[in-house]
PDB file of N, CA and C in Angstrom:
ATOM      1  N   MET A   1       0.819  -1.193   0.000  1.00  0.00           N
ATOM      2  CA  MET A   1       0.000   0.000   0.000  1.00  0.00           C
ATOM      3  C   MET A   1       0.868   1.264   0.000  1.00  0.00           C
ATOM      4  N   LYS A   2       1.982   1.254   0.727  1.00  0.00           N
ATOM      5  CA  LYS A   2       2.855   2.418   0.800  1.00  0.00           C
ATOM      6  C   LYS A   2       3.476   2.729  -0.554  1.00  0.00           C
ATOM      7  N   THR A   3       3.820   1.717  -1.327  1.00  0.00           N
ATOM      8  CA  THR A   3       4.440   1.960  -2.626  1.00  0.00           C
ATOM      9  C   THR A   3       3.452   2.555  -3.619  1.00  0.00           C
ATOM     10  N   SER A   4       2.167   2.338  -3.479  1.00  0.00           N
ATOM     11  CA  SER A   4       1.201   2.921  -4.402  1.00  0.00           C
ATOM     12  C   SER A   4       0.969   4.404  -4.107  1.00  0.00           C
ATOM     13  N   LEU A   5       1.282   4.858  -2.909  1.00  0.00           N
ATOM     14  CA  LEU A   5       1.135   6.279  -2.569  1.00  0.00           C
ATOM     15  C   LEU A   5       2.341   7.103  -3.030  1.00  0.00           C
ATOM     16  N   LEU A   6       3.487   6.472  -3.171  1.00  0.00           N
ATOM     17  CA  LEU A   6       4.697   7.194  -3.556  1.00  0.00           C
ATOM     18  C   LEU A   6       4.557   7.924  -4.893  1.00  0.00           C
ATOM     19  N   PRO A   7       4.054   7.298  -5.959  1.00  0.00           N
ATOM     20  CA  PRO A   7       3.882   8.048  -7.216  1.00  0.00           C
ATOM     21  C   PRO A   7       2.918   9.225  -7.071  1.00  0.00           C
ATOM     22  N   LEU A   8       1.889   9.078  -6.268  1.00  0.00           N
ATOM     23  CA  LEU A   8       0.927  10.157  -6.045  1.00  0.00           C
ATOM     24  C   LEU A   8       1.580  11.318  -5.310  1.00  0.00           C
ATOM     25  N   ILE A   9       2.381  11.018  -4.313  1.00  0.00           N
ATOM     26  CA  ILE A   9       3.078  12.069  -3.565  1.00  0.00           C
ATOM     27  C   ILE A   9       4.092  12.778  -4.458  1.00  0.00           C
ATOM     28  N   LEU A  10       4.841  12.022  -5.248  1.00  0.00           N
ATOM     29  CA  LEU A  10       5.806  12.627  -6.162  1.00  0.00           C
ATOM     30  C   LEU A  10       5.115  13.497  -7.210  1.00  0.00           C
ATOM     31  N   ALA A  11       3.978  13.061  -7.696  1.00  0.00           N
ATOM     32  CA  ALA A  11       3.218  13.864  -8.667  1.00  0.00           C
ATOM     33  C   ALA A  11       2.730  15.155  -8.031  1.00  0.00           C
ATOM     34  N   ALA A  12       2.303  15.096  -6.781  1.00  0.00           N
ATOM     35  CA  ALA A  12       1.833  16.304  -6.083  1.00  0.00           C
ATOM     36  C   ALA A  12       2.975  17.301  -5.913  1.00  0.00           C
ATOM     37  N   PHE A  13       4.162  16.813  -5.535  1.00  0.00           N
ATOM     38  CA  PHE A  13       5.319  17.696  -5.415  1.00  0.00           C
ATOM     39  C   PHE A  13       5.684  18.312  -6.763  1.00  0.00           C
ATOM     40  N   ALA A  14       5.662  17.528  -7.802  1.00  0.00           N
ATOM     41  CA  ALA A  14       5.996  18.029  -9.137  1.00  0.00           C
ATOM     42  C   ALA A  14       5.011  19.104  -9.570  1.00  0.00           C
ATOM     43  N   LEU A  15       3.746  18.905  -9.284  1.00  0.00           N
ATOM     44  CA  LEU A  15       2.733  19.900  -9.635  1.00  0.00           C
ATOM     45  C   LEU A  15       2.939  21.185  -8.853  1.00  0.00           C
ATOM     46  N   CYS A  16       3.269  21.055  -7.594  1.00  0.00           N
ATOM     47  CA  CYS A  16       3.513  22.231  -6.763  1.00  0.00           C
ATOM     48  C   CYS A  16       4.688  23.032  -7.294  1.00  0.00           C
ATOM     49  N   PHE A  17       5.786  22.381  -7.582  1.00  0.00           N
ATOM     50  CA  PHE A  17       6.966  23.089  -8.052  1.00  0.00           C
ATOM     51  C   PHE A  17       6.794  23.639  -9.455  1.00  0.00           C
ATOM     52  N   SER A  18       6.046  22.964 -10.297  1.00  0.00           N
ATOM     53  CA  SER A  18       5.846  23.483 -11.654  1.00  0.00           C
ATOM     54  C   SER A  18       4.934  24.685 -11.650  1.00  0.00           C
ATOM     55  N   SER A  19       4.029  24.789 -10.678  1.00  0.00           N
ATOM     56  CA  SER A  19       3.143  25.948 -10.626  1.00  0.00           C
ATOM     57  C   SER A  19       3.852  27.172 -10.084  1.00  0.00           C
ATOM     58  N   CYS A  20       5.013  26.989  -9.440  1.00  0.00           N
ATOM     59  CA  CYS A  20       5.767  28.112  -8.896  1.00  0.00           C
ATOM     60  C   CYS A  20       6.628  28.793  -9.949  1.00  0.00           C
ATOM     61  N   VAL A  21       6.836  28.157 -11.069  1.00  0.00           N
ATOM     62  CA  VAL A  21       7.665  28.726 -12.122  1.00  0.00           C
ATOM     63  C   VAL A  21       6.835  29.727 -12.909  1.00  0.00           C
ATOM     64  N   GLY A  22       7.324  30.961 -13.009  1.00  0.00           N
ATOM     65  CA  GLY A  22       6.588  32.002 -13.715  1.00  0.00           C
ATOM     66  C   GLY A  22       6.700  31.855 -15.208  1.00  0.00           C
ATOM     67  N   PRO A  23       5.870  32.579 -15.943  1.00  0.00           N
ATOM     68  CA  PRO A  23       5.930  32.513 -17.402  1.00  0.00           C
ATOM     69  C   PRO A  23       7.226  33.114 -17.936  1.00  0.00           C
ATOM     70  N   VAL A  24       7.643  32.664 -19.083  1.00  0.00           N
ATOM     71  CA  VAL A  24       8.843  33.189 -19.715  1.00  0.00           C
ATOM     72  C   VAL A  24       8.418  34.286 -20.687  1.00  0.00           C
ATOM     73  N   TYR A  25       9.051  35.440 -20.574  1.00  0.00           N
ATOM     74  CA  TYR A  25       8.698  36.582 -21.419  1.00  0.00           C
ATOM     75  C   TYR A  25       9.697  36.712 -22.549  1.00  0.00           C
ATOM     76  N   PRO A  26       9.289  37.319 -23.639  1.00  0.00           N
ATOM     77  CA  PRO A  26      10.213  37.517 -24.751  1.00  0.00           C
ATOM     78  C   PRO A  26      11.412  38.357 -24.324  1.00  0.00           C
ATOM     79  N   VAL A  27      12.557  38.065 -24.880  1.00  0.00           N
ATOM     80  CA  VAL A  27      13.747  38.831 -24.529  1.00  0.00           C
ATOM     81  C   VAL A  27      13.670  40.163 -25.246  1.00  0.00           C
ATOM     82  N   GLY A  28      13.361  41.209 -24.499  1.00  0.00           N
ATOM     83  CA  GLY A  28      13.267  42.546 -25.074  1.00  0.00           C
ATOM     84  C   GLY A  28      13.806  43.562 -24.106  1.00  0.00           C
ATOM     85  N   GLY A  29      14.349  43.094 -23.012  1.00  0.00           N
ATOM     86  CA  GLY A  29      14.852  43.996 -22.002  1.00  0.00           C
ATOM     87  C   GLY A  29      16.220  43.575 -21.525  1.00  0.00           C
ATOM     88  N   VAL A  30      16.624  44.178 -20.461  1.00  0.00           N
ATOM     89  CA  VAL A  30      17.927  43.898 -19.884  1.00  0.00           C
ATOM     90  C   VAL A  30      17.718  43.198 -18.556  1.00  0.00           C
ATOM     91  N   GLY A  31      18.450  42.149 -18.312  1.00  0.00           N
ATOM     92  CA  GLY A  31      18.355  41.430 -17.056  1.00  0.00           C
ATOM     93  C   GLY A  31      17.093  40.596 -16.939  1.00  0.00           C
ATOM     94  N   VAL A  32      16.546  40.160 -18.034  1.00  0.00           N
ATOM     95  CA  VAL A  32      15.299  39.406 -18.014  1.00  0.00           C
ATOM     96  C   VAL A  32      15.483  38.121 -17.233  1.00  0.00           C
ATOM     97  N   GLY A  33      14.665  37.942 -16.214  1.00  0.00           N
ATOM     98  CA  GLY A  33      14.679  36.733 -15.422  1.00  0.00           C
ATOM     99  C   GLY A  33      15.745  36.675 -14.341  1.00  0.00           C
ATOM    100  N   VAL A  34      16.620  37.659 -14.262  1.00  0.00           N
ATOM    101  CA  VAL A  34      17.668  37.660 -13.260  1.00  0.00           C
ATOM    102  C   VAL A  34      17.630  38.989 -12.518  1.00  0.00           C
ATOM    103  N   GLY A  35      16.922  39.042 -11.396  1.00  0.00           N
ATOM    104  CA  GLY A  35      16.846  40.274 -10.613  1.00  0.00           C
ATOM    105  C   GLY A  35      16.114  41.376 -11.353  1.00  0.00           C
ATOM    106  N   PRO A  36      16.465  42.618 -11.046  1.00  0.00           N
ATOM    107  CA  PRO A  36      15.798  43.733 -11.697  1.00  0.00           C
ATOM    108  C   PRO A  36      16.207  43.869 -13.160  1.00  0.00           C
ATOM    109  N   GLY A  37      15.281  44.367 -13.958  1.00  0.00           N
ATOM    110  CA  GLY A  37      15.553  44.592 -15.374  1.00  0.00           C
ATOM    111  C   GLY A  37      14.528  45.553 -15.942  1.00  0.00           C
ATOM    112  N   TYR A  38      14.528  45.706 -17.252  1.00  0.00           N
ATOM    113  CA  TYR A  38      13.533  46.556 -17.893  1.00  0.00           C
ATOM    114  C   TYR A  38      13.215  46.041 -19.283  1.00  0.00           C
ATOM    115  N   TYR A  39      12.069  46.475 -19.765  1.00  0.00           N
ATOM    116  CA  TYR A  39      11.630  46.192 -21.137  1.00  0.00           C
ATOM    117  C   TYR A  39      11.490  47.519 -21.873  1.00  0.00           C
ATOM    118  N   SER A  40      11.774  47.505 -23.156  1.00  0.00           N
ATOM    119  CA  SER A  40      11.491  48.687 -23.973  1.00  0.00           C
ATOM    120  C   SER A  40      10.013  48.701 -24.350  1.00  0.00           C
ATOM    121  N   THR A  41       9.395  47.547 -24.460  1.00  0.00           N
ATOM    122  CA  THR A  41       7.945  47.410 -24.608  1.00  0.00           C
ATOM    123  C   THR A  41       7.498  46.319 -23.650  1.00  0.00           C
ATOM    124  N   LEU A  42       6.428  46.568 -22.956  1.00  0.00           N
ATOM    125  CA  LEU A  42       5.945  45.606 -21.969  1.00  0.00           C
ATOM    126  C   LEU A  42       5.310  44.418 -22.687  1.00  0.00           C
ATOM    127  N   PRO A  43       5.761  43.206 -22.412  1.00  0.00           N
ATOM    128  CA  PRO A  43       5.191  42.029 -23.069  1.00  0.00           C
ATOM    129  C   PRO A  43       3.708  41.877 -22.737  1.00  0.00           C
ATOM    130  N   PRO A  44       2.891  41.443 -23.687  1.00  0.00           N
ATOM    131  CA  PRO A  44       1.461  41.288 -23.435  1.00  0.00           C
ATOM    132  C   PRO A  44       1.160  40.297 -22.310  1.00  0.00           C
ATOM    133  N   ALA A  45       2.022  39.311 -22.105  1.00  0.00           N
ATOM    134  CA  ALA A  45       1.781  38.294 -21.081  1.00  0.00           C
ATOM    135  C   ALA A  45       2.333  38.689 -19.715  1.00  0.00           C
ATOM    136  N   TYR A  46       2.923  39.885 -19.587  1.00  0.00           N
ATOM    137  CA  TYR A  46       3.529  40.288 -18.320  1.00  0.00           C
ATOM    138  C   TYR A  46       2.461  40.488 -17.258  1.00  0.00           C
ATOM    139  N   ARG A  47       2.699  39.910 -16.096  1.00  0.00           N
ATOM    140  CA  ARG A  47       1.796  40.071 -14.963  1.00  0.00           C
ATOM    141  C   ARG A  47       2.623  40.480 -13.764  1.00  0.00           C
ATOM    142  N   GLY A  48       2.364  41.636 -13.233  1.00  0.00           N
ATOM    143  CA  GLY A  48       3.089  42.064 -12.046  1.00  0.00           C
ATOM    144  C   GLY A  48       3.298  43.566 -12.043  1.00  0.00           C
ATOM    145  N   PRO A  49       3.831  44.076 -10.950  1.00  0.00           N
ATOM    146  CA  PRO A  49       4.066  45.515 -10.857  1.00  0.00           C
ATOM    147  C   PRO A  49       5.247  45.951 -11.730  1.00  0.00           C
ATOM    148  N   TYR A  50       5.201  47.202 -12.158  1.00  0.00           N
ATOM    149  CA  TYR A  50       6.301  47.757 -12.938  1.00  0.00           C
ATOM    150  C   TYR A  50       6.307  49.267 -12.772  1.00  0.00           C
ATOM    151  N   TYR A  51       7.379  49.893 -13.229  1.00  0.00           N
ATOM    152  CA  TYR A  51       7.562  51.338 -13.126  1.00  0.00           C
ATOM    153  C   TYR A  51       7.898  51.863 -14.509  1.00  0.00           C
ATOM    154  N   HIS A  52       7.087  52.772 -15.018  1.00  0.00           N
ATOM    155  CA  HIS A  52       7.297  53.323 -16.358  1.00  0.00           C
ATOM    156  C   HIS A  52       8.059  54.639 -16.236  1.00  0.00           C
ATOM    157  N   HIS A  53       9.238  54.688 -16.871  1.00  0.00           N
ATOM    158  CA  HIS A  53      10.105  55.867 -16.774  1.00  0.00           C
ATOM    159  C   HIS A  53      10.943  55.969 -18.044  1.00  0.00           C
ATOM    160  N   ASN A  54      10.915  57.128 -18.682  1.00  0.00           N
ATOM    161  CA  ASN A  54      11.694  57.388 -19.906  1.00  0.00           C
ATOM    162  C   ASN A  54      11.543  56.277 -20.952  1.00  0.00           C
ATOM    163  N   ASN A  55      10.323  55.935 -21.259  1.00  0.00           N
ATOM    164  CA  ASN A  55       9.988  54.933 -22.274  1.00  0.00           C
ATOM    165  C   ASN A  55      10.541  53.540 -21.980  1.00  0.00           C
ATOM    166  N   ARG A  56      10.741  53.232 -20.724  1.00  0.00           N
ATOM    167  CA  ARG A  56      11.150  51.895 -20.312  1.00  0.00           C
ATOM    168  C   ARG A  56      10.217  51.411 -19.209  1.00  0.00           C
ATOM    169  N   TYR A  57      10.049  50.112 -19.150  1.00  0.00           N
ATOM    170  CA  TYR A  57       9.194  49.476 -18.146  1.00  0.00           C
ATOM    171  C   TYR A  57      10.096  48.664 -17.212  1.00  0.00           C
ATOM    172  N   TYR A  58      10.327  49.194 -16.025  1.00  0.00           N
ATOM    173  CA  TYR A  58      11.237  48.571 -15.067  1.00  0.00           C
ATOM    174  C   TYR A  58      10.478  47.592 -14.176  1.00  0.00           C
ATOM    175  N   TYR A  59      11.127  46.494 -13.841  1.00  0.00           N
ATOM    176  CA  TYR A  59      10.534  45.512 -12.938  1.00  0.00           C
ATOM    177  C   TYR A  59      11.618  44.999 -11.996  1.00  0.00           C
ATOM    178  N   GLY A  60      11.186  44.405 -10.899  1.00  0.00           N
ATOM    179  CA  GLY A  60      12.116  43.802  -9.960  1.00  0.00           C
ATOM    180  C   GLY A  60      12.729  44.756  -8.973  1.00  0.00           C
ATOM    181  N   GLY A  61      12.313  46.005  -8.998  1.00  0.00           N
ATOM    182  CA  GLY A  61      12.826  46.986  -8.048  1.00  0.00           C
ATOM    183  C   GLY A  61      11.851  47.196  -6.902  1.00  0.00           C
ATOM    184  N   ARG A  62      11.984  48.324  -6.247  1.00  0.00           N
ATOM    185  CA  ARG A  62      11.143  48.622  -5.091  1.00  0.00           C
ATOM    186  C   ARG A  62      10.588  50.048  -5.204  1.00  0.00           C
ATOM    187  N   TYR A  63       9.269  50.168  -5.245  1.00  0.00           N
ATOM    188  CA  TYR A  63       8.638  51.479  -5.272  1.00  0.00           C
ATOM    189  C   TYR A  63       8.526  52.019  -3.858  1.00  0.00           C
ATOM    190  N   GLU A  64       8.858  53.293  -3.680  1.00  0.00           N
ATOM    191  CA  GLU A  64       8.771  53.945  -2.381  1.00  0.00           C
ATOM    192  C   GLU A  64       7.904  55.189  -2.496  1.00  0.00           C
ATOM    193  N   PRO A  65       6.682  55.141  -1.943  1.00  0.00           N
ATOM    194  CA  PRO A  65       5.844  56.342  -1.942  1.00  0.00           C
ATOM    195  C   PRO A  65       6.351  57.331  -0.898  1.00  0.00           C
ATOM    196  N   GLY A  66       6.012  58.582  -1.092  1.00  0.00           N
ATOM    197  CA  GLY A  66       6.428  59.616  -0.145  1.00  0.00           C
ATOM    198  C   GLY A  66       6.749  60.899  -0.884  1.00  0.00           C
ATOM    199  N   ARG A  67       7.296  61.841  -0.162  1.00  0.00           N
ATOM    200  CA  ARG A  67       7.707  63.130  -0.753  1.00  0.00           C
ATOM    201  C   ARG A  67       9.222  63.167  -0.785  1.00  0.00           C
ATOM    202  N   PHE A  68       9.767  63.405  -1.982  1.00  0.00           N
ATOM    203  CA  PHE A  68      11.217  63.420  -2.153  1.00  0.00           C
ATOM    204  C   PHE A  68      11.621  64.636  -2.970  1.00  0.00           C
ATOM    205  N   LEU A  69      12.775  65.201  -2.656  1.00  0.00           N
ATOM    206  CA  LEU A  69      13.324  66.319  -3.404  1.00  0.00           C
ATOM    207  C   LEU A  69      14.582  65.821  -4.111  1.00  0.00           C
ATOM    208  N   TYR A  70      14.596  65.922  -5.438  1.00  0.00           N
ATOM    209  CA  TYR A  70      15.726  65.450  -6.222  1.00  0.00           C
ATOM    210  C   TYR A  70      16.064  66.490  -7.281  1.00  0.00           C
ATOM    211  N   ASN A  71      17.303  66.947  -7.297  1.00  0.00           N
ATOM    212  CA  ASN A  71      17.757  68.005  -8.215  1.00  0.00           C
ATOM    213  C   ASN A  71      16.853  69.235  -8.175  1.00  0.00           C
ATOM    214  N   GLY A  72      16.379  69.571  -6.987  1.00  0.00           N
ATOM    215  CA  GLY A  72      15.551  70.760  -6.809  1.00  0.00           C
ATOM    216  C   GLY A  72      14.102  70.594  -7.205  1.00  0.00           C
ATOM    217  N   HIS A  73      13.669  69.390  -7.568  1.00  0.00           N
ATOM    218  CA  HIS A  73      12.284  69.137  -7.955  1.00  0.00           C
ATOM    219  C   HIS A  73      11.625  68.185  -6.962  1.00  0.00           C
ATOM    220  N   PRO A  74      10.372  68.489  -6.596  1.00  0.00           N
ATOM    221  CA  PRO A  74       9.665  67.580  -5.680  1.00  0.00           C
ATOM    222  C   PRO A  74       9.026  66.411  -6.436  1.00  0.00           C
ATOM    223  N   TYR A  75       9.049  65.238  -5.839  1.00  0.00           N
ATOM    224  CA  TYR A  75       8.436  64.037  -6.401  1.00  0.00           C
ATOM    225  C   TYR A  75       7.624  63.342  -5.323  1.00  0.00           C
ATOM    226  N   THR A  76       6.549  62.689  -5.736  1.00  0.00           N
ATOM    227  CA  THR A  76       5.679  62.006  -4.779  1.00  0.00           C
ATOM    228  C   THR A  76       5.968  60.511  -4.691  1.00  0.00           C
ATOM    229  N   GLY A  77       7.040  60.069  -5.266  1.00  0.00           N
ATOM    230  CA  GLY A  77       7.440  58.669  -5.182  1.00  0.00           C
ATOM    231  C   GLY A  77       8.737  58.467  -5.938  1.00  0.00           C
ATOM    232  N   ARG A  78       9.369  57.339  -5.661  1.00  0.00           N
ATOM    233  CA  ARG A  78      10.599  57.000  -6.376  1.00  0.00           C
ATOM    234  C   ARG A  78      10.695  55.479  -6.459  1.00  0.00           C
ATOM    235  N   TYR A  79      11.581  55.017  -7.340  1.00  0.00           N
ATOM    236  CA  TYR A  79      11.724  53.585  -7.591  1.00  0.00           C
ATOM    237  C   TYR A  79      13.198  53.211  -7.470  1.00  0.00           C
ATOM    238  N   TYR A  80      13.502  52.301  -6.558  1.00  0.00           N
ATOM    239  CA  TYR A  80      14.868  51.832  -6.383  1.00  0.00           C
ATOM    240  C   TYR A  80      15.085  50.640  -7.316  1.00  0.00           C
ATOM    241  N   HIS A  81      16.057  50.766  -8.204  1.00  0.00           N
ATOM    242  CA  HIS A  81      16.268  49.745  -9.234  1.00  0.00           C
ATOM    243  C   HIS A  81      17.744  49.666  -9.595  1.00  0.00           C
ATOM    244  N   GLY A  82      18.319  48.503  -9.458  1.00  0.00           N
ATOM    245  CA  GLY A  82      19.696  48.296  -9.892  1.00  0.00           C
ATOM    246  C   GLY A  82      20.715  49.160  -9.174  1.00  0.00           C
ATOM    247  N   GLY A  83      20.471  49.491  -7.909  1.00  0.00           N
ATOM    248  CA  GLY A  83      21.444  50.256  -7.135  1.00  0.00           C
ATOM    249  C   GLY A  83      21.259  51.756  -7.143  1.00  0.00           C
ATOM    250  N   HIS A  84      20.237  52.258  -7.844  1.00  0.00           N
ATOM    251  CA  HIS A  84      19.992  53.703  -7.817  1.00  0.00           C
ATOM    252  C   HIS A  84      18.492  53.982  -7.881  1.00  0.00           C
ATOM    253  N   TYR A  85      18.128  55.233  -7.617  1.00  0.00           N
ATOM    254  CA  TYR A  85      16.724  55.640  -7.602  1.00  0.00           C
ATOM    255  C   TYR A  85      16.328  56.290  -8.924  1.00  0.00           C
ATOM    256  N   LEU A  86      15.088  56.012  -9.340  1.00  0.00           N
ATOM    257  CA  LEU A  86      14.496  56.672 -10.506  1.00  0.00           C
ATOM    258  C   LEU A  86      13.404  57.609 -10.004  1.00  0.00           C
ATOM    259  N   TYR A  87      13.378  58.821 -10.516  1.00  0.00           N
ATOM    260  CA  TYR A  87      12.374  59.809 -10.131  1.00  0.00           C
ATOM    261  C   TYR A  87      11.604  60.250 -11.366  1.00  0.00           C
ATOM    262  N   GLY A  88      10.346  60.566 -11.185  1.00  0.00           N
ATOM    263  CA  GLY A  88       9.559  61.152 -12.259  1.00  0.00           C
ATOM    264  C   GLY A  88       8.788  60.175 -13.118  1.00  0.00           C
ATOM    265  N   GLY A  89       8.831  58.905 -12.800  1.00  0.00           N
ATOM    266  CA  GLY A  89       8.063  57.925 -13.557  1.00  0.00           C
ATOM    267  C   GLY A  89       6.720  57.671 -12.907  1.00  0.00           C
ATOM    268  N   ARG A  90       6.096  56.604 -13.332  1.00  0.00           N
ATOM    269  CA  ARG A  90       4.793  56.240 -12.774  1.00  0.00           C
ATOM    270  C   ARG A  90       4.800  54.757 -12.399  1.00  0.00           C
ATOM    271  N   HIS A  91       4.349  54.480 -11.185  1.00  0.00           N
ATOM    272  CA  HIS A  91       4.331  53.118 -10.673  1.00  0.00           C
ATOM    273  C   HIS A  91       2.985  52.465 -10.957  1.00  0.00           C
ATOM    274  N   TYR A  92       3.021  51.267 -11.466  1.00  0.00           N
ATOM    275  CA  TYR A  92       1.822  50.463 -11.696  1.00  0.00           C
ATOM    276  C   TYR A  92       1.962  49.217 -10.815  1.00  0.00           C
ATOM    277  N   GLY A  93       1.246  49.210  -9.717  1.00  0.00           N
ATOM    278  CA  GLY A  93       1.364  48.118  -8.772  1.00  0.00           C
ATOM    279  C   GLY A  93       0.347  47.021  -8.988  1.00  0.00           C
ATOM    280  N   HIS A  94      -0.278  47.007 -10.126  1.00  0.00           N
ATOM    281  CA  HIS A  94      -1.322  46.023 -10.427  1.00  0.00           C
ATOM    282  C   HIS A  94      -0.907  45.178 -11.615  1.00  0.00           C
ATOM    283  N   ILE A  95      -1.696  44.207 -11.903  1.00  0.00           N
ATOM    284  CA  ILE A  95      -1.428  43.344 -13.060  1.00  0.00           C
ATOM    285  C   ILE A  95      -1.742  44.109 -14.341  1.00  0.00           C
ATOM    286  N   HIS A  96      -0.811  44.057 -15.271  1.00  0.00           N
ATOM    287  CA  HIS A  96      -0.992  44.729 -16.562  1.00  0.00           C
ATOM    288  C   HIS A  96      -2.123  44.052 -17.333  1.00  0.00           C
ATOM    289  N   PRO A  97      -3.040  44.836 -17.912  1.00  0.00           N
ATOM    290  CA  PRO A  97      -4.168  44.222 -18.660  1.00  0.00           C
ATOM    291  C   PRO A  97      -3.737  43.455 -19.882  1.00  0.00           C
TER     292      PRO A  97
END
């Protein structure tokens, strides 16, 4: 009886781990799939938060709401990405349609 449960348990583990793997997006950005990166055009299948700044769609960083002064200009949020902050873009914290 124990040996008949082993394939079922292994199948359940395989299903769990396969569902954790995210979709693969077309290579159109920098650092795709490895930490933070960006796309020049957002893939239609992309699901997740992103930050739009200077015609690029950044992902994998951290959005920080608040009031910030940068180069003498006030901003209501910033995005930490790849070791530096981006100011003046727009954060989309929802799933892209």
